[in-house]
Structures are given as structure tokens and as C-alpha cells.
């Protein structure tokens, strides 16, 4: 079987991210969590990423990653953009998770912390990290002590690394997730004694050589769109065109395609697609 000639796949893509983070006894995931949270973290449980629904009209959503450490529950989302719709969806994930897991306790005095870590791409800002809490905007007093949303600007981390800015060092193992083959080799040469980076580079090279992960991302999206459209046409020959477009858009949302691509594929406006989320 001939392998497809494609570009290097990084952890920018959720399929790769999940496979890498859940391998090597969580070595890379533990390192990421430790850098972002600021305390030594070790995963003790990989939880189901299916977001539970409460009624038949609500669509099932799949989180990118959900794990438990000794002190926290952590949801990690890899975001190709950070639109208002993405923020609302991710906020729904973490608040639903908070509700679900505190509801299983005997009291509300749950000592575990709840984190959502958003690895964001497409953000042109010059701030590497945002920390979000429910708190008073004047006093800074937190309303909920154990709930935090963290946003990491992945593009800016790479920019800092290219400019040799020391501020990138505290997130060096987060940075490696978005580097291509040549960049990763350069990082490994710069940090010769870093076993995590060496192991990550080796794992990524192996993954990119495996056929199952060696796909063209844009081509894969195009094939997914075409397949869903064909299925919808087959099942909905007698349905109105507008209803068919909406059904196609809903199915494309389930596989987390960008809103712009969905709008183009269905001839719906971006606003119409966003209302379906």
C-alpha cells in the first residue's frame, strides 16, 4: 500500500494530540499538566471524553481530553481558532463537568480542583497565557475557588522561541506540541539533556511514518464533508434543501470542522452554522 505524501502532523490536530498524550504512560501529558498548572501532576485516570446530554434535542459532544490527577480534574481542548462559539462550547464542557463530578460527592466541599486548558491557535495576541476565574472584578476575590480556565497562545509561544525570548522556557514542553519536524529537531539540539523532548521527537517520527496517521488534513476534511453530504443526500432525497443543509451542517459540527468550512460546504452563513452549535 502506497503511503500518502503529506506534511508533518503535529499535536495541533486533535487525533494526533490524543494519541500522543495518552501514550508512554502519560509522560508527555504529565509534563504538560505540570508546566501549565504549576505543581507536579500525574494522571491517575483517563476519563470518558463524551460530554453527557440531558435531553434528546442536545447533541453529544466529544471533549479532546479529560483526565484525573490526585488533586484535579483536567479537560484539555485543542482549538484551531478561538471564536465566541468555541469559547461558549468549551465553557459548557467545564461547567457541565463541574456539575457532574461535584454532584457525585456527598457534599459540595470537593477538595479537587477543576481545570480547563485551552491550547489555542490562530490567536494573534501577544500574551502567552490567560487565566480565567469566576471572581469579583474590583477585589479579585474568587467566587469559586476550585475552577480555573487557562488559555495558552500556542502561536505566540512559537514566536517567543524563534526570537530566543527567555519567557518561553517555562512552557518549553507545551511549545514542542506545535513544532514541525525541522523545528522539533532544532529544539532537541538546543536542549540536549531533555529526555522528554527526545522521547517526544522519537514518538512523533514514528507516528508520522505510520499509515493510519499519515493523512493530508485538508484532504481528510474534504473527504469527510463529501461523505456526510452523500449520506445526507441518500437519506434525504425527499426532504427540502434547507433542511438537508442544516442536517449536513449538524453532522459536520460533530466532527469539529471549522465553521468557515461548514458554511462553504452547505451554503449556509457563518451565523446560521453558529446557531446550530
Protein backbone atom coordinates (compact mmCIF):
# COMPACT_ATOMS: atom_id res chain seq x y z
CA UNK A 1 0.00 0.00 0.00
CA UNK A 2 1.45 3.37 -1.01
CA UNK A 3 1.69 5.94 1.73
CA UNK A 4 0.36 9.42 1.13
CA UNK A 5 2.98 12.13 0.89
CA UNK A 6 1.85 14.69 3.43
CA UNK A 7 3.15 17.44 5.65
CA UNK A 8 4.32 16.75 9.17
CA UNK A 9 1.43 16.24 11.57
CA UNK A 10 1.75 17.94 14.93
CA UNK A 11 -0.36 17.88 18.09
CA UNK A 12 -2.26 20.81 16.62
CA UNK A 13 -4.61 18.13 15.29
CA UNK A 14 -6.78 16.52 17.92
CA UNK A 15 -6.33 12.96 16.59
CA UNK A 16 -2.56 13.26 16.97
CA UNK A 17 -2.85 15.06 20.30
CA UNK A 18 -4.99 12.32 21.82
CA UNK A 19 -2.73 9.54 20.60
CA UNK A 20 0.44 11.20 21.83
CA UNK A 21 -0.89 12.38 25.18
CA UNK A 22 -2.34 9.01 26.12
CA UNK A 23 0.85 7.10 25.29
CA UNK A 24 4.16 6.45 27.09
CA UNK A 25 2.42 6.13 30.48
CA UNK A 26 1.18 9.73 30.18
CA UNK A 27 4.77 11.04 30.17
CA UNK A 28 4.02 13.95 27.82
CA UNK A 29 0.64 14.71 29.36
CA UNK A 30 2.07 14.77 32.90
CA UNK A 31 4.76 17.18 31.74
CA UNK A 32 2.21 19.45 30.06
CA UNK A 33 -0.02 19.49 33.13
CA UNK A 34 2.89 20.23 35.45
CA UNK A 35 4.03 23.18 33.35
CA UNK A 36 0.57 24.70 32.98
CA UNK A 37 -0.79 24.06 36.48
CA UNK A 38 2.48 24.84 38.23
CA UNK A 39 2.57 21.84 40.55
CA UNK A 40 3.75 18.30 39.85
CA UNK A 41 0.81 16.44 38.31
CA UNK A 42 0.42 12.75 37.48
CA UNK A 43 -2.56 11.28 35.67
CA UNK A 44 -4.26 8.51 37.63
CA UNK A 45 -7.34 8.06 35.45
CA UNK A 46 -8.23 8.69 31.80
CA UNK A 47 -11.92 9.59 31.87
CA UNK A 48 -14.56 9.30 29.17
CA UNK A 49 -14.48 12.31 26.86
CA UNK A 50 -18.13 12.02 25.85
CA UNK A 51 -20.00 15.07 27.08
CA UNK A 52 -23.24 13.86 28.62
CA UNK A 53 -26.51 15.27 27.28
CA UNK A 54 -29.59 16.00 29.35
CA UNK A 55 -32.33 15.82 26.72
CA UNK A 56 -32.94 14.23 23.33
CA UNK A 57 -32.53 17.54 21.49
CA UNK A 58 -28.99 18.09 22.77
CA UNK A 59 -26.16 16.74 20.62
CA UNK A 60 -23.42 14.54 22.05
CA UNK A 61 -20.07 16.33 22.12
CA UNK A 62 -16.65 14.76 22.46
CA UNK A 63 -14.00 16.56 24.51
CA UNK A 64 -10.41 16.35 23.31
CA UNK A 65 -9.08 15.08 26.63
CA UNK A 66 -10.37 14.55 30.16
CA UNK A 67 -8.17 13.15 32.91
CA UNK A 68 -7.99 12.93 36.65
CA UNK A 69 -4.88 13.58 38.74
CA UNK A 70 -4.64 13.15 42.50
CA UNK A 71 -5.66 16.75 43.07
CA UNK A 72 -7.65 17.76 39.99
CA UNK A 73 -9.89 17.02 37.05
CA UNK A 74 -8.48 18.44 33.83
CA UNK A 75 -10.18 18.99 30.47
CA UNK A 76 -7.80 19.90 27.63
CA UNK A 77 -9.10 21.35 24.37
CA UNK A 78 -7.08 21.91 21.19
CA UNK A 79 -8.65 24.86 19.38
CA UNK A 80 -7.82 25.77 15.77
CA UNK A 81 -9.47 29.13 16.45
CA UNK A 82 -10.92 30.82 19.50
CA UNK A 83 -14.20 32.26 18.31
CA UNK A 84 -17.03 33.17 20.68
CA UNK A 85 -18.78 29.93 19.73
CA UNK A 86 -15.73 27.85 20.67
CA UNK A 87 -15.45 29.67 23.99
CA UNK A 88 -19.12 29.02 24.78
CA UNK A 89 -18.79 25.36 23.84
CA UNK A 90 -15.69 24.91 25.99
CA UNK A 91 -17.27 26.74 28.92
CA UNK A 92 -20.20 24.37 28.66
CA UNK A 93 -17.77 21.44 28.88
CA UNK A 94 -16.06 22.58 32.08
CA UNK A 95 -19.21 23.77 33.88
CA UNK A 96 -21.05 20.56 33.00
CA UNK A 97 -18.07 18.58 34.24
CA UNK A 98 -18.05 20.59 37.47
CA UNK A 99 -21.76 19.93 37.92
CA UNK A 100 -21.43 16.22 37.16
CA UNK A 101 -18.48 15.47 39.43
CA UNK A 102 -19.44 17.65 42.40
CA UNK A 103 -22.93 16.17 42.16
CA UNK A 104 -21.47 12.72 42.77
CA UNK A 105 -19.96 13.80 46.09
CA UNK A 106 -21.63 13.61 49.49
CA UNK A 107 -21.18 17.36 49.96
CA UNK A 108 -20.07 20.43 47.98
CA UNK A 109 -16.79 20.54 49.87
CA UNK A 110 -14.98 18.85 47.00
CA UNK A 111 -11.26 19.35 47.50
CA UNK A 112 -10.43 18.55 43.89
CA UNK A 113 -9.66 21.41 41.53
CA UNK A 114 -11.15 21.72 38.07
CA UNK A 115 -9.06 22.98 35.17
CA UNK A 116 -9.80 23.53 31.54
CA UNK A 117 -6.63 24.04 29.49
CA UNK A 118 -7.20 25.53 26.03
CA UNK A 119 -4.31 25.19 23.58
CA UNK A 120 -5.26 27.95 21.15
CA UNK A 121 -4.10 28.51 17.58
CA UNK A 122 -4.96 31.42 15.32
CA UNK A 123 -4.69 33.97 18.12
CA UNK A 124 -2.65 36.99 17.03
CA UNK A 125 -2.30 38.37 20.57
CA UNK A 126 0.99 38.97 22.36
CA UNK A 127 0.06 37.37 25.67
CA UNK A 128 1.22 33.78 26.16
CA UNK A 129 -1.29 32.82 28.86
CA UNK A 130 -4.69 33.90 30.13
CA UNK A 131 -6.08 32.76 33.49
CA UNK A 132 -9.85 32.95 33.90
CA UNK A 133 -11.73 32.65 37.18
CA UNK A 134 -15.19 33.46 38.46
CA UNK A 135 -14.27 36.43 40.63
CA UNK A 136 -15.15 39.99 41.60
CA UNK A 137 -13.70 42.43 39.08
CA UNK A 138 -12.83 45.01 41.76
CA UNK A 139 -11.45 42.98 44.64
CA UNK A 140 -10.27 39.97 42.67
CA UNK A 141 -11.90 37.70 45.25
CA UNK A 142 -12.79 34.35 43.70
CA UNK A 143 -16.42 33.27 43.78
CA UNK A 144 -15.43 29.66 43.05
CA UNK A 145 -12.03 28.70 44.44
CA UNK A 146 -11.51 25.43 42.61
CA UNK A 147 -12.44 26.25 39.00
CA UNK A 148 -9.95 27.74 36.53
CA UNK A 149 -9.80 28.13 32.75
CA UNK A 150 -6.35 28.55 31.21
CA UNK A 151 -5.72 29.68 27.64
CA UNK A 152 -2.29 29.14 26.08
CA UNK A 153 -1.44 31.11 22.94
CA UNK A 154 0.46 28.43 21.01
CA UNK A 155 1.38 30.70 18.08
CA UNK A 156 2.89 33.27 20.44
CA UNK A 157 4.94 30.58 22.21
CA UNK A 158 6.49 29.70 18.87
CA UNK A 159 7.11 33.39 18.17
CA UNK A 160 8.89 33.75 21.52
CA UNK A 161 11.02 30.69 20.76
CA UNK A 162 12.03 31.99 17.34
CA UNK A 163 13.05 35.32 18.87
CA UNK A 164 15.01 33.48 21.59
CA UNK A 165 12.93 35.12 24.31
CA UNK A 166 13.54 33.62 27.77
CA UNK A 167 9.81 33.86 28.58
CA UNK A 168 9.15 30.71 26.54
CA UNK A 169 11.26 28.45 28.77
CA UNK A 170 8.59 27.81 31.37
CA UNK A 171 6.39 26.31 28.64
CA UNK A 172 9.04 24.57 26.57
CA UNK A 173 7.21 21.21 26.65
CA UNK A 174 3.95 22.88 25.68
CA UNK A 175 5.75 24.60 22.80
CA UNK A 176 7.04 21.29 21.40
CA UNK A 177 3.47 20.19 20.64
CA UNK A 178 3.11 22.69 17.79
CA UNK A 179 6.54 22.28 16.16
CA UNK A 180 7.06 20.64 12.78
CA UNK A 181 9.82 18.13 12.06
CA UNK A 182 12.68 20.58 11.46
CA UNK A 183 11.66 22.81 14.35
CA UNK A 184 11.45 19.85 16.70
CA UNK A 185 14.90 18.70 15.69
CA UNK A 186 16.22 22.19 16.40
CA UNK A 187 14.59 22.26 19.83
CA UNK A 188 16.08 18.87 20.67
CA UNK A 189 19.55 20.11 19.67
CA UNK A 190 19.14 23.20 21.83
CA UNK A 191 18.10 21.13 24.86
CA UNK A 192 20.37 18.12 24.53
CA UNK A 193 19.76 16.76 28.02
CA UNK A 194 15.97 16.96 27.89
CA UNK A 195 14.71 13.38 27.85
CA UNK A 196 11.08 14.44 27.40
CA UNK A 197 11.82 16.28 24.15
CA UNK A 198 13.95 13.40 22.86
CA UNK A 199 11.21 10.88 23.63
CA UNK A 200 8.56 13.13 22.10
CA UNK A 201 10.53 13.61 18.89
CA UNK A 202 11.02 9.85 18.58
CA UNK A 203 7.31 9.22 19.16
CA UNK A 204 6.26 11.86 16.63
CA UNK A 205 8.59 10.49 13.95
CA UNK A 206 7.15 7.03 14.42
CA UNK A 207 3.58 8.31 14.32
CA UNK A 208 4.15 10.31 11.15
CA UNK A 209 5.56 7.20 9.50
CA UNK A 210 2.53 5.10 10.32
CA UNK A 211 -0.02 4.99 7.53
CA UNK A 212 -3.04 5.33 9.79
CA UNK A 213 -1.89 8.79 10.86
CA UNK A 214 -0.25 9.80 7.61
CA UNK A 215 -3.05 11.76 6.00
CA UNK A 216 -3.46 15.13 4.35
CA UNK A 217 -5.52 17.18 6.80
CA UNK A 218 -7.29 19.36 4.21
CA UNK A 219 -7.95 16.32 2.01
CA UNK A 220 -9.29 14.42 5.01
CA UNK A 221 -11.68 17.28 5.81
CA UNK A 222 -12.82 17.39 2.19
CA UNK A 223 -13.48 13.64 2.18
CA UNK A 224 -15.41 13.88 5.45
CA UNK A 225 -17.55 16.70 4.05
CA UNK A 226 -18.24 14.79 0.82
CA UNK A 227 -19.11 11.58 2.67
CA UNK A 228 -21.53 13.33 5.00
CA UNK A 229 -23.13 15.17 2.09
CA UNK A 230 -23.55 11.92 0.15
CA UNK A 231 -25.09 10.19 3.16
CA UNK A 232 -27.46 13.07 3.71
CA UNK A 233 -28.48 13.12 0.04
CA UNK A 234 -29.10 9.37 0.07
CA UNK A 235 -31.28 9.56 3.17
CA UNK A 236 -32.99 12.84 2.40
CA UNK A 237 -33.94 12.75 -1.26
CA UNK A 238 -37.48 13.81 -0.43
CA UNK A 239 -36.55 16.45 2.13
CA UNK A 240 -36.34 20.16 1.48
CA UNK A 241 -32.95 21.56 0.52
CA UNK A 242 -32.77 23.88 3.53
CA UNK A 243 -33.46 21.07 5.98
CA UNK A 244 -30.85 18.92 4.26
CA UNK A 245 -28.25 21.70 4.52
CA UNK A 246 -28.96 22.02 8.24
CA UNK A 247 -28.58 18.27 8.78
CA UNK A 248 -25.27 18.27 6.92
CA UNK A 249 -24.04 21.21 8.99
CA UNK A 250 -25.01 19.46 12.24
CA UNK A 251 -23.08 16.35 11.26
CA UNK A 252 -20.02 18.41 10.30
CA UNK A 253 -20.17 20.18 13.66
CA UNK A 254 -20.00 16.77 15.35
CA UNK A 255 -16.56 16.18 13.85
CA UNK A 256 -15.44 19.67 14.89
CA UNK A 257 -14.77 21.11 11.44
CA UNK A 258 -14.16 24.89 11.34
CA UNK A 259 -17.31 26.99 10.93
CA UNK A 260 -15.91 28.60 7.76
CA UNK A 261 -15.56 25.20 6.04
CA UNK A 262 -19.03 24.11 7.12
CA UNK A 263 -20.59 27.32 5.80
CA UNK A 264 -18.83 26.86 2.48
CA UNK A 265 -19.85 23.21 2.18
CA UNK A 266 -23.53 23.81 3.00
CA UNK A 267 -24.10 27.30 1.54
CA UNK A 268 -25.25 28.44 4.97
CA UNK A 269 -23.96 31.62 6.56
CA UNK A 270 -21.48 31.50 9.44
CA UNK A 271 -24.17 32.90 11.73
CA UNK A 272 -26.59 30.14 10.72
CA UNK A 273 -23.95 27.49 11.43
CA UNK A 274 -23.07 29.02 14.80
CA UNK A 275 -26.73 28.89 15.85
CA UNK A 276 -26.67 25.11 15.36
CA UNK A 277 -23.90 24.62 17.96
